[in-house]
Amino acid sequence: MVRQMLTRQKDNWGLGFGLETPGHTLRFGHDGANEGFRGDLEAYTESGQGTGHHDQFDSGNQLASEFLGAVAKEYNWPDFQPIERSVTKIAPAVLATYAGTYDAPGLSKVTVTAKDGKLYLQVDPFGPAPLELLPESDTSFSVCPLTSPCLSYSEGRKRDSHQTHHHRRPDVRGKKVR
């Protein structure tokens, strides 16, 4: 049964686990969320190393991402290595052009708000509390300086599309609807 669970059944999924092959090492995991809780399990089949967490608050993904990066660095895992990012200043008028509601396949409503010269993201995978988007440039933002970019905007200076990244899911592209 374990062999079937860790064999690709459809796309990057075994039976109940997401499967990744970054290079040559098979990694499996599963994350999930209920109101008030977040959890994730990540493990490597060859080394037997892995980590799991369960947070009892909706915005636990940000803390979990930092924890996972620290474990990956300590054990020299090929994935989840922390990436330090630079934060830059963006004019509030430019930031305001990003505010709106976005439709993204597979995600609930994605809301970006501008307040006091800062941008905030609210989307279900991150919990109900808005998270500050830190500008790396005028077209790329992250939720945390150590994570991969969360949002990047394309189509030149038009602020009408976005792209999200997650360590197990493919990039999700969305369109501004208001």
N, C-alpha and C. Protein backbone atom coordinates (compact mmCIF):
# COMPACT_ATOMS: atom_id res chain seq x y z
N MET A 1 0.82 -1.18 0.00
CA MET A 1 0.00 0.00 0.00
C MET A 1 0.87 1.26 0.00
N VAL A 2 1.95 1.27 0.77
CA VAL A 2 2.83 2.44 0.82
C VAL A 2 3.42 2.71 -0.55
N ARG A 3 3.79 1.66 -1.27
CA ARG A 3 4.35 1.83 -2.60
C ARG A 3 3.33 2.52 -3.52
N GLN A 4 2.07 2.16 -3.43
CA GLN A 4 1.03 2.81 -4.24
C GLN A 4 0.84 4.26 -3.82
N MET A 5 0.92 4.51 -2.52
CA MET A 5 0.75 5.89 -2.04
C MET A 5 1.84 6.80 -2.60
N LEU A 6 3.04 6.25 -2.81
CA LEU A 6 4.17 7.05 -3.27
C LEU A 6 4.46 6.86 -4.76
N THR A 7 3.50 6.31 -5.50
CA THR A 7 3.59 6.17 -6.95
C THR A 7 2.63 7.16 -7.59
N ARG A 8 3.12 7.88 -8.60
CA ARG A 8 2.25 8.86 -9.27
C ARG A 8 1.00 8.18 -9.80
N GLN A 9 -0.13 8.73 -9.39
CA GLN A 9 -1.42 8.25 -9.86
C GLN A 9 -1.98 9.21 -10.90
N LYS A 10 -1.89 10.50 -10.61
CA LYS A 10 -2.36 11.53 -11.53
C LYS A 10 -1.53 12.79 -11.29
N ASP A 11 -0.99 13.34 -12.36
CA ASP A 11 -0.13 14.52 -12.27
C ASP A 11 0.96 14.27 -11.23
N ASN A 12 1.10 15.15 -10.25
CA ASN A 12 2.12 15.00 -9.20
C ASN A 12 1.52 14.46 -7.91
N TRP A 13 0.52 13.59 -8.02
CA TRP A 13 -0.14 13.06 -6.83
C TRP A 13 -0.08 11.54 -6.78
N GLY A 14 0.29 11.02 -5.59
CA GLY A 14 0.14 9.61 -5.30
C GLY A 14 -1.22 9.46 -4.65
N LEU A 15 -1.38 8.47 -3.80
CA LEU A 15 -2.63 8.30 -3.06
C LEU A 15 -2.57 9.11 -1.77
N GLY A 16 -3.07 10.34 -1.83
CA GLY A 16 -3.12 11.20 -0.65
C GLY A 16 -1.92 12.11 -0.46
N PHE A 17 -0.85 11.88 -1.19
CA PHE A 17 0.35 12.70 -1.03
C PHE A 17 0.72 13.38 -2.34
N GLY A 18 1.19 14.62 -2.22
CA GLY A 18 1.81 15.28 -3.36
C GLY A 18 3.21 14.72 -3.50
N LEU A 19 3.65 14.47 -4.74
CA LEU A 19 4.97 13.89 -4.99
C LEU A 19 5.82 14.87 -5.78
N GLU A 20 7.05 15.01 -5.40
CA GLU A 20 7.99 15.87 -6.10
C GLU A 20 9.27 15.10 -6.34
N THR A 21 9.91 15.34 -7.46
CA THR A 21 11.21 14.75 -7.74
C THR A 21 12.15 15.87 -8.14
N PRO A 22 12.64 16.65 -7.16
CA PRO A 22 13.56 17.74 -7.47
C PRO A 22 14.97 17.19 -7.68
N GLY A 23 15.37 16.97 -8.88
CA GLY A 23 16.66 16.31 -9.12
C GLY A 23 16.42 14.82 -9.12
N HIS A 24 16.97 14.10 -8.14
CA HIS A 24 16.85 12.65 -8.13
C HIS A 24 16.21 12.10 -6.86
N THR A 25 15.88 12.94 -5.92
CA THR A 25 15.36 12.47 -4.64
C THR A 25 13.85 12.65 -4.58
N LEU A 26 13.14 11.55 -4.38
CA LEU A 26 11.68 11.64 -4.27
C LEU A 26 11.30 12.24 -2.92
N ARG A 27 10.43 13.23 -2.99
CA ARG A 27 9.91 13.87 -1.78
C ARG A 27 8.39 13.76 -1.84
N PHE A 28 7.79 13.54 -0.68
CA PHE A 28 6.33 13.51 -0.63
C PHE A 28 5.85 14.39 0.50
N GLY A 29 4.61 14.80 0.41
CA GLY A 29 4.07 15.64 1.46
C GLY A 29 2.59 15.90 1.26
N HIS A 30 2.04 16.55 2.23
CA HIS A 30 0.63 16.94 2.17
C HIS A 30 0.43 18.11 3.12
N ASP A 31 -0.31 19.11 2.64
CA ASP A 31 -0.64 20.21 3.52
C ASP A 31 -2.14 20.37 3.55
N GLY A 32 -2.61 21.11 4.51
CA GLY A 32 -4.05 21.32 4.61
C GLY A 32 -4.38 22.41 5.60
N ALA A 33 -5.65 22.79 5.58
CA ALA A 33 -6.09 23.87 6.45
C ALA A 33 -7.57 23.73 6.76
N ASN A 34 -7.91 24.04 7.95
CA ASN A 34 -9.28 24.26 8.40
C ASN A 34 -9.27 25.60 9.12
N GLU A 35 -10.43 26.16 9.32
CA GLU A 35 -10.49 27.45 10.01
C GLU A 35 -9.78 27.33 11.36
N GLY A 36 -8.77 28.16 11.54
CA GLY A 36 -8.03 28.17 12.79
C GLY A 36 -6.83 27.23 12.84
N PHE A 37 -6.59 26.46 11.79
CA PHE A 37 -5.51 25.48 11.81
C PHE A 37 -4.82 25.42 10.45
N ARG A 38 -3.52 25.16 10.46
CA ARG A 38 -2.73 24.93 9.26
C ARG A 38 -1.76 23.79 9.56
N GLY A 39 -1.48 22.97 8.55
CA GLY A 39 -0.55 21.87 8.76
C GLY A 39 0.17 21.50 7.48
N ASP A 40 1.32 20.88 7.62
CA ASP A 40 2.11 20.45 6.47
C ASP A 40 3.04 19.33 6.90
N LEU A 41 3.24 18.37 6.00
CA LEU A 41 4.19 17.29 6.18
C LEU A 41 5.05 17.24 4.93
N GLU A 42 6.36 17.17 5.09
CA GLU A 42 7.30 17.04 3.97
C GLU A 42 8.32 15.99 4.36
N ALA A 43 8.61 15.03 3.46
CA ALA A 43 9.57 13.97 3.79
C ALA A 43 10.26 13.46 2.53
N TYR A 44 11.48 12.98 2.70
CA TYR A 44 12.28 12.40 1.62
C TYR A 44 12.34 10.89 1.79
N THR A 45 12.11 10.16 0.70
CA THR A 45 12.07 8.70 0.79
C THR A 45 13.46 8.10 1.00
N GLU A 46 14.48 8.64 0.34
CA GLU A 46 15.81 8.04 0.41
C GLU A 46 16.48 8.24 1.76
N SER A 47 16.43 9.45 2.29
CA SER A 47 17.12 9.73 3.55
C SER A 47 16.27 9.41 4.78
N GLY A 48 14.96 9.33 4.59
CA GLY A 48 14.07 9.12 5.73
C GLY A 48 13.86 10.38 6.55
N GLN A 49 14.40 11.50 6.09
CA GLN A 49 14.24 12.76 6.82
C GLN A 49 12.94 13.44 6.42
N GLY A 50 12.39 14.16 7.36
CA GLY A 50 11.18 14.90 7.07
C GLY A 50 10.80 15.78 8.24
N THR A 51 9.78 16.56 8.04
CA THR A 51 9.29 17.43 9.10
C THR A 51 7.79 17.62 8.92
N GLY A 52 7.15 17.86 10.01
CA GLY A 52 5.72 18.14 9.98
C GLY A 52 5.41 19.22 10.99
N HIS A 53 4.34 19.94 10.76
CA HIS A 53 3.93 20.95 11.72
C HIS A 53 2.41 21.08 11.69
N HIS A 54 1.89 21.52 12.78
CA HIS A 54 0.46 21.81 12.90
C HIS A 54 0.33 23.08 13.72
N ASP A 55 -0.21 24.12 13.08
CA ASP A 55 -0.34 25.41 13.75
C ASP A 55 -1.79 25.65 14.11
N GLN A 56 -2.01 26.23 15.26
CA GLN A 56 -3.37 26.51 15.70
C GLN A 56 -3.69 27.99 15.53
N PHE A 57 -3.40 28.51 14.35
CA PHE A 57 -3.81 29.85 13.99
C PHE A 57 -3.79 29.95 12.47
N ASP A 58 -4.66 30.79 11.93
CA ASP A 58 -4.85 30.85 10.48
C ASP A 58 -3.67 31.35 9.69
N SER A 59 -2.82 32.16 10.27
CA SER A 59 -1.69 32.69 9.50
C SER A 59 -0.41 31.90 9.79
N GLY A 60 -0.54 30.64 10.12
CA GLY A 60 0.62 29.80 10.45
C GLY A 60 1.52 29.49 9.29
N ASN A 61 1.06 29.66 8.05
CA ASN A 61 1.90 29.33 6.90
C ASN A 61 3.18 30.14 6.85
N GLN A 62 3.12 31.39 7.25
CA GLN A 62 4.31 32.24 7.21
C GLN A 62 5.37 31.72 8.19
N LEU A 63 4.96 31.40 9.40
CA LEU A 63 5.89 30.84 10.39
C LEU A 63 6.39 29.48 9.92
N ALA A 64 5.49 28.67 9.38
CA ALA A 64 5.88 27.34 8.90
C ALA A 64 6.91 27.42 7.78
N SER A 65 6.77 28.39 6.90
CA SER A 65 7.71 28.56 5.80
C SER A 65 9.11 28.87 6.34
N GLU A 66 9.18 29.72 7.35
CA GLU A 66 10.48 30.03 7.95
C GLU A 66 11.06 28.82 8.67
N PHE A 67 10.21 28.06 9.35
CA PHE A 67 10.64 26.85 10.04
C PHE A 67 11.19 25.84 9.03
N LEU A 68 10.44 25.61 7.95
CA LEU A 68 10.85 24.66 6.93
C LEU A 68 12.18 25.08 6.29
N GLY A 69 12.35 26.38 6.04
CA GLY A 69 13.61 26.88 5.51
C GLY A 69 14.78 26.63 6.45
N ALA A 70 14.55 26.82 7.75
CA ALA A 70 15.61 26.60 8.74
C ALA A 70 16.01 25.12 8.81
N VAL A 71 15.02 24.23 8.78
CA VAL A 71 15.30 22.79 8.80
C VAL A 71 16.05 22.39 7.53
N ALA A 72 15.60 22.89 6.38
CA ALA A 72 16.26 22.57 5.10
C ALA A 72 17.71 23.02 5.10
N LYS A 73 17.96 24.20 5.64
CA LYS A 73 19.34 24.71 5.71
C LYS A 73 20.19 23.84 6.63
N GLU A 74 19.66 23.51 7.79
CA GLU A 74 20.42 22.71 8.78
C GLU A 74 20.77 21.32 8.24
N TYR A 75 19.83 20.69 7.54
CA TYR A 75 20.04 19.32 7.05
C TYR A 75 20.44 19.27 5.58
N ASN A 76 20.70 20.44 4.99
CA ASN A 76 21.17 20.54 3.61
C ASN A 76 20.24 19.83 2.62
N TRP A 77 18.96 20.06 2.77
CA TRP A 77 17.99 19.49 1.85
C TRP A 77 18.07 20.21 0.51
N PRO A 78 17.76 19.51 -0.58
CA PRO A 78 17.80 20.16 -1.89
C PRO A 78 16.65 21.14 -2.12
N ASP A 79 15.64 21.11 -1.28
CA ASP A 79 14.46 21.97 -1.45
C ASP A 79 14.29 22.85 -0.21
N PHE A 80 13.45 23.86 -0.35
CA PHE A 80 13.03 24.72 0.76
C PHE A 80 14.13 25.59 1.32
N GLN A 81 15.27 25.69 0.63
CA GLN A 81 16.36 26.53 1.13
C GLN A 81 15.87 27.98 1.23
N PRO A 82 16.18 28.65 2.33
CA PRO A 82 15.76 30.04 2.45
C PRO A 82 16.41 30.91 1.38
N ILE A 83 15.64 31.83 0.89
CA ILE A 83 16.13 32.78 -0.11
C ILE A 83 15.97 34.17 0.49
N GLU A 84 17.09 34.83 0.69
CA GLU A 84 17.00 36.19 1.22
C GLU A 84 16.63 37.12 0.09
N ARG A 85 15.72 38.02 0.39
CA ARG A 85 15.21 38.93 -0.62
C ARG A 85 15.39 40.36 -0.14
N SER A 86 15.60 41.25 -1.09
CA SER A 86 15.72 42.67 -0.78
C SER A 86 14.35 43.32 -0.92
N VAL A 87 14.07 44.22 -0.02
CA VAL A 87 12.81 44.97 -0.07
C VAL A 87 13.14 46.38 -0.53
N THR A 88 12.32 46.91 -1.43
CA THR A 88 12.55 48.24 -1.97
C THR A 88 11.35 49.13 -1.71
N LYS A 89 11.53 50.42 -1.86
CA LYS A 89 10.44 51.39 -1.69
C LYS A 89 9.72 51.56 -3.02
N ILE A 90 8.40 51.57 -2.96
CA ILE A 90 7.56 51.80 -4.14
C ILE A 90 6.61 52.95 -3.80
N ALA A 91 6.41 53.84 -4.74
CA ALA A 91 5.52 54.98 -4.53
C ALA A 91 4.11 54.49 -4.21
N PRO A 92 3.46 55.09 -3.20
CA PRO A 92 2.10 54.68 -2.84
C PRO A 92 1.12 54.72 -4.02
N ALA A 93 1.29 55.66 -4.93
CA ALA A 93 0.39 55.73 -6.09
C ALA A 93 0.54 54.50 -6.98
N VAL A 94 1.76 53.98 -7.10
CA VAL A 94 1.99 52.77 -7.89
C VAL A 94 1.39 51.57 -7.16
N LEU A 95 1.61 51.49 -5.85
CA LEU A 95 1.05 50.38 -5.08
C LEU A 95 -0.47 50.33 -5.19
N ALA A 96 -1.10 51.50 -5.19
CA ALA A 96 -2.56 51.56 -5.25
C ALA A 96 -3.11 50.95 -6.53
N THR A 97 -2.32 50.92 -7.61
CA THR A 97 -2.80 50.34 -8.86
C THR A 97 -2.97 48.83 -8.78
N TYR A 98 -2.37 48.20 -7.78
CA TYR A 98 -2.50 46.75 -7.60
C TYR A 98 -3.75 46.36 -6.81
N ALA A 99 -4.31 47.29 -6.09
CA ALA A 99 -5.46 46.98 -5.23
C ALA A 99 -6.62 46.45 -6.08
N GLY A 100 -7.26 45.42 -5.57
CA GLY A 100 -8.41 44.87 -6.28
C GLY A 100 -8.65 43.43 -5.91
N THR A 101 -9.63 42.85 -6.59
CA THR A 101 -9.98 41.45 -6.42
C THR A 101 -9.54 40.70 -7.66
N TYR A 102 -8.94 39.55 -7.45
CA TYR A 102 -8.41 38.75 -8.54
C TYR A 102 -9.08 37.38 -8.55
N ASP A 103 -9.29 36.86 -9.74
CA ASP A 103 -9.84 35.52 -9.90
C ASP A 103 -8.70 34.61 -10.30
N ALA A 104 -8.46 33.58 -9.50
CA ALA A 104 -7.36 32.66 -9.77
C ALA A 104 -7.89 31.23 -9.67
N PRO A 105 -7.70 30.41 -10.70
CA PRO A 105 -8.19 29.03 -10.66
C PRO A 105 -7.64 28.27 -9.45
N GLY A 106 -8.52 27.58 -8.75
CA GLY A 106 -8.11 26.77 -7.61
C GLY A 106 -7.97 27.52 -6.31
N LEU A 107 -8.12 28.83 -6.33
CA LEU A 107 -8.04 29.61 -5.11
C LEU A 107 -9.36 30.30 -4.87
N SER A 108 -9.65 30.56 -3.62
CA SER A 108 -10.82 31.38 -3.34
C SER A 108 -10.47 32.81 -3.77
N LYS A 109 -11.34 33.72 -3.49
CA LYS A 109 -11.12 35.12 -3.88
C LYS A 109 -9.76 35.60 -3.37
N VAL A 110 -9.02 36.25 -4.24
CA VAL A 110 -7.73 36.84 -3.90
C VAL A 110 -7.94 38.35 -3.84
N THR A 111 -7.67 38.94 -2.68
CA THR A 111 -7.87 40.37 -2.50
C THR A 111 -6.55 41.03 -2.17
N VAL A 112 -6.24 42.10 -2.89
CA VAL A 112 -5.06 42.92 -2.62
C VAL A 112 -5.57 44.31 -2.25
N THR A 113 -5.15 44.79 -1.09
CA THR A 113 -5.57 46.12 -0.64
C THR A 113 -4.34 46.99 -0.42
N ALA A 114 -4.52 48.28 -0.62
CA ALA A 114 -3.46 49.27 -0.37
C ALA A 114 -3.90 50.11 0.82
N LYS A 115 -3.01 50.24 1.81
CA LYS A 115 -3.33 51.03 2.99
C LYS A 115 -2.04 51.61 3.57
N ASP A 116 -2.04 52.91 3.80
CA ASP A 116 -0.89 53.59 4.40
C ASP A 116 0.42 53.31 3.67
N GLY A 117 0.37 53.30 2.34
CA GLY A 117 1.57 53.11 1.55
C GLY A 117 2.09 51.69 1.52
N LYS A 118 1.25 50.72 1.87
CA LYS A 118 1.64 49.31 1.86
C LYS A 118 0.56 48.50 1.16
N LEU A 119 0.96 47.31 0.66
CA LEU A 119 0.01 46.38 0.06
C LEU A 119 -0.21 45.20 1.00
N TYR A 120 -1.46 44.69 0.98
CA TYR A 120 -1.81 43.53 1.81
C TYR A 120 -2.52 42.51 0.95
N LEU A 121 -2.23 41.24 1.20
CA LEU A 121 -2.82 40.12 0.48
C LEU A 121 -3.75 39.36 1.42
N GLN A 122 -4.90 39.01 0.91
CA GLN A 122 -5.82 38.17 1.66
C GLN A 122 -6.31 37.07 0.72
N VAL A 123 -5.94 35.83 1.01
CA VAL A 123 -6.33 34.68 0.21
C VAL A 123 -6.36 33.46 1.12
N ASP A 124 -7.31 32.58 0.92
CA ASP A 124 -7.56 31.47 1.82
C ASP A 124 -6.33 30.64 2.20
N PRO A 125 -5.45 30.24 1.26
CA PRO A 125 -4.33 29.41 1.71
C PRO A 125 -3.47 30.06 2.80
N PHE A 126 -3.51 31.39 2.92
CA PHE A 126 -2.72 32.07 3.94
C PHE A 126 -3.54 32.42 5.18
N GLY A 127 -4.83 32.06 5.20
CA GLY A 127 -5.67 32.38 6.34
C GLY A 127 -6.42 33.68 6.14
N PRO A 128 -7.32 34.01 7.07
CA PRO A 128 -8.18 35.18 6.89
C PRO A 128 -7.50 36.53 7.16
N ALA A 129 -6.42 36.54 7.89
CA ALA A 129 -5.75 37.80 8.22
C ALA A 129 -4.94 38.29 7.02
N PRO A 130 -5.09 39.57 6.64
CA PRO A 130 -4.28 40.10 5.53
C PRO A 130 -2.80 40.07 5.89
N LEU A 131 -1.97 39.71 4.91
CA LEU A 131 -0.52 39.68 5.10
C LEU A 131 0.12 40.78 4.27
N GLU A 132 1.09 41.45 4.85
CA GLU A 132 1.76 42.52 4.11
C GLU A 132 2.57 41.93 2.96
N LEU A 133 2.43 42.54 1.79
CA LEU A 133 3.23 42.17 0.63
C LEU A 133 4.45 43.08 0.59
N LEU A 134 5.62 42.50 0.64
CA LEU A 134 6.87 43.26 0.66
C LEU A 134 7.38 43.42 -0.77
N PRO A 135 7.59 44.65 -1.23
CA PRO A 135 8.00 44.87 -2.62
C PRO A 135 9.48 44.57 -2.85
N GLU A 136 9.74 43.71 -3.84
CA GLU A 136 11.10 43.45 -4.28
C GLU A 136 11.44 44.33 -5.47
N SER A 137 10.40 44.70 -6.21
CA SER A 137 10.50 45.64 -7.33
C SER A 137 9.09 46.16 -7.53
N ASP A 138 8.87 46.96 -8.57
CA ASP A 138 7.50 47.43 -8.76
C ASP A 138 6.61 46.39 -9.42
N THR A 139 7.16 45.18 -9.70
CA THR A 139 6.35 44.10 -10.27
C THR A 139 6.47 42.77 -9.52
N SER A 140 7.16 42.74 -8.40
CA SER A 140 7.34 41.48 -7.67
C SER A 140 7.24 41.73 -6.17
N PHE A 141 6.43 40.91 -5.49
CA PHE A 141 6.18 41.07 -4.06
C PHE A 141 6.25 39.71 -3.39
N SER A 142 6.67 39.69 -2.13
CA SER A 142 6.65 38.45 -1.37
C SER A 142 5.95 38.70 -0.05
N VAL A 143 5.46 37.60 0.55
CA VAL A 143 4.80 37.70 1.84
C VAL A 143 5.83 37.78 2.95
N CYS A 144 6.95 37.11 2.76
CA CYS A 144 8.00 37.07 3.77
C CYS A 144 9.33 37.19 3.04
N PRO A 145 10.30 37.92 3.59
CA PRO A 145 11.57 38.09 2.89
C PRO A 145 12.31 36.78 2.61
N LEU A 146 11.93 35.66 3.27
CA LEU A 146 12.65 34.41 3.06
C LEU A 146 11.91 33.44 2.15
N THR A 147 10.75 33.79 1.63
CA THR A 147 9.99 32.88 0.78
C THR A 147 10.21 33.21 -0.69
N SER A 148 9.77 32.30 -1.54
CA SER A 148 9.80 32.61 -2.97
C SER A 148 8.76 33.69 -3.23
N PRO A 149 8.86 34.38 -4.36
CA PRO A 149 7.87 35.45 -4.58
C PRO A 149 6.46 34.90 -4.50
N CYS A 150 5.62 35.64 -3.84
CA CYS A 150 4.23 35.23 -3.74
C CYS A 150 3.45 35.79 -4.91
N LEU A 151 3.67 37.02 -5.25
CA LEU A 151 2.96 37.64 -6.35
C LEU A 151 3.94 38.29 -7.30
N SER A 152 3.73 38.10 -8.57
CA SER A 152 4.46 38.89 -9.55
C SER A 152 3.46 39.34 -10.59
N TYR A 153 3.62 40.55 -11.03
CA TYR A 153 2.68 41.14 -11.98
C TYR A 153 3.34 41.21 -13.34
N SER A 154 2.53 40.98 -14.36
CA SER A 154 3.07 41.00 -15.72
C SER A 154 2.27 41.98 -16.57
N GLU A 155 2.45 41.89 -17.86
CA GLU A 155 1.78 42.74 -18.84
C GLU A 155 2.20 44.20 -18.68
N GLY A 156 3.50 44.42 -18.60
CA GLY A 156 4.03 45.78 -18.53
C GLY A 156 3.57 46.51 -17.29
N ARG A 157 3.11 47.73 -17.44
CA ARG A 157 2.69 48.54 -16.29
C ARG A 157 1.24 48.28 -15.91
N LYS A 158 0.53 47.45 -16.66
CA LYS A 158 -0.86 47.14 -16.32
C LYS A 158 -0.87 46.24 -15.09
N ARG A 159 -1.66 46.57 -14.12
CA ARG A 159 -1.74 45.77 -12.90
C ARG A 159 -3.01 44.93 -12.96
N ASP A 160 -3.12 44.06 -13.97
CA ASP A 160 -4.37 43.32 -14.11
C ASP A 160 -4.18 41.81 -14.09
N SER A 161 -3.00 41.33 -13.75
CA SER A 161 -2.83 39.89 -13.61
C SER A 161 -1.82 39.64 -12.50
N HIS A 162 -1.85 38.45 -11.95
CA HIS A 162 -0.88 38.09 -10.92
C HIS A 162 -0.54 36.62 -11.03
N GLN A 163 0.52 36.24 -10.35
CA GLN A 163 0.96 34.86 -10.34
C GLN A 163 1.33 34.53 -8.90
N THR A 164 0.87 33.39 -8.40
CA THR A 164 1.23 32.98 -7.05
C THR A 164 2.09 31.73 -7.11
N HIS A 165 2.89 31.53 -6.09
CA HIS A 165 3.79 30.38 -6.02
C HIS A 165 3.58 29.67 -4.69
N HIS A 166 3.67 28.36 -4.73
CA HIS A 166 3.57 27.55 -3.52
C HIS A 166 4.55 26.41 -3.70
N HIS A 167 5.13 25.90 -2.61
CA HIS A 167 6.19 24.92 -2.76
C HIS A 167 5.73 23.60 -3.37
N ARG A 168 4.44 23.28 -3.40
CA ARG A 168 4.00 22.03 -4.00
C ARG A 168 3.11 22.24 -5.21
N ARG A 169 2.43 23.33 -5.28
CA ARG A 169 1.49 23.56 -6.37
C ARG A 169 2.18 24.31 -7.51
N PRO A 170 1.73 24.05 -8.74
CA PRO A 170 2.28 24.83 -9.85
C PRO A 170 1.86 26.29 -9.71
N ASP A 171 2.54 27.15 -10.46
CA ASP A 171 2.17 28.56 -10.45
C ASP A 171 0.68 28.71 -10.79
N VAL A 172 0.05 29.63 -10.14
CA VAL A 172 -1.36 29.93 -10.39
C VAL A 172 -1.42 31.33 -10.96
N ARG A 173 -2.07 31.49 -12.08
CA ARG A 173 -2.20 32.80 -12.71
C ARG A 173 -3.63 33.28 -12.54
N GLY A 174 -3.75 34.55 -12.21
CA GLY A 174 -5.07 35.12 -12.00
C GLY A 174 -5.28 36.39 -12.79
N LYS A 175 -6.50 36.81 -12.86
CA LYS A 175 -6.89 38.01 -13.61
C LYS A 175 -7.65 38.94 -12.68
N LYS A 176 -7.34 40.22 -12.75
CA LYS A 176 -8.03 41.22 -11.92
C LYS A 176 -9.47 41.34 -12.42
N VAL A 177 -10.42 41.20 -11.48
CA VAL A 177 -11.84 41.29 -11.87
C VAL A 177 -12.49 42.58 -11.38
N ARG A 178 -11.89 43.24 -10.40
CA ARG A 178 -12.36 44.58 -10.00
C ARG A 178 -11.27 45.32 -9.25
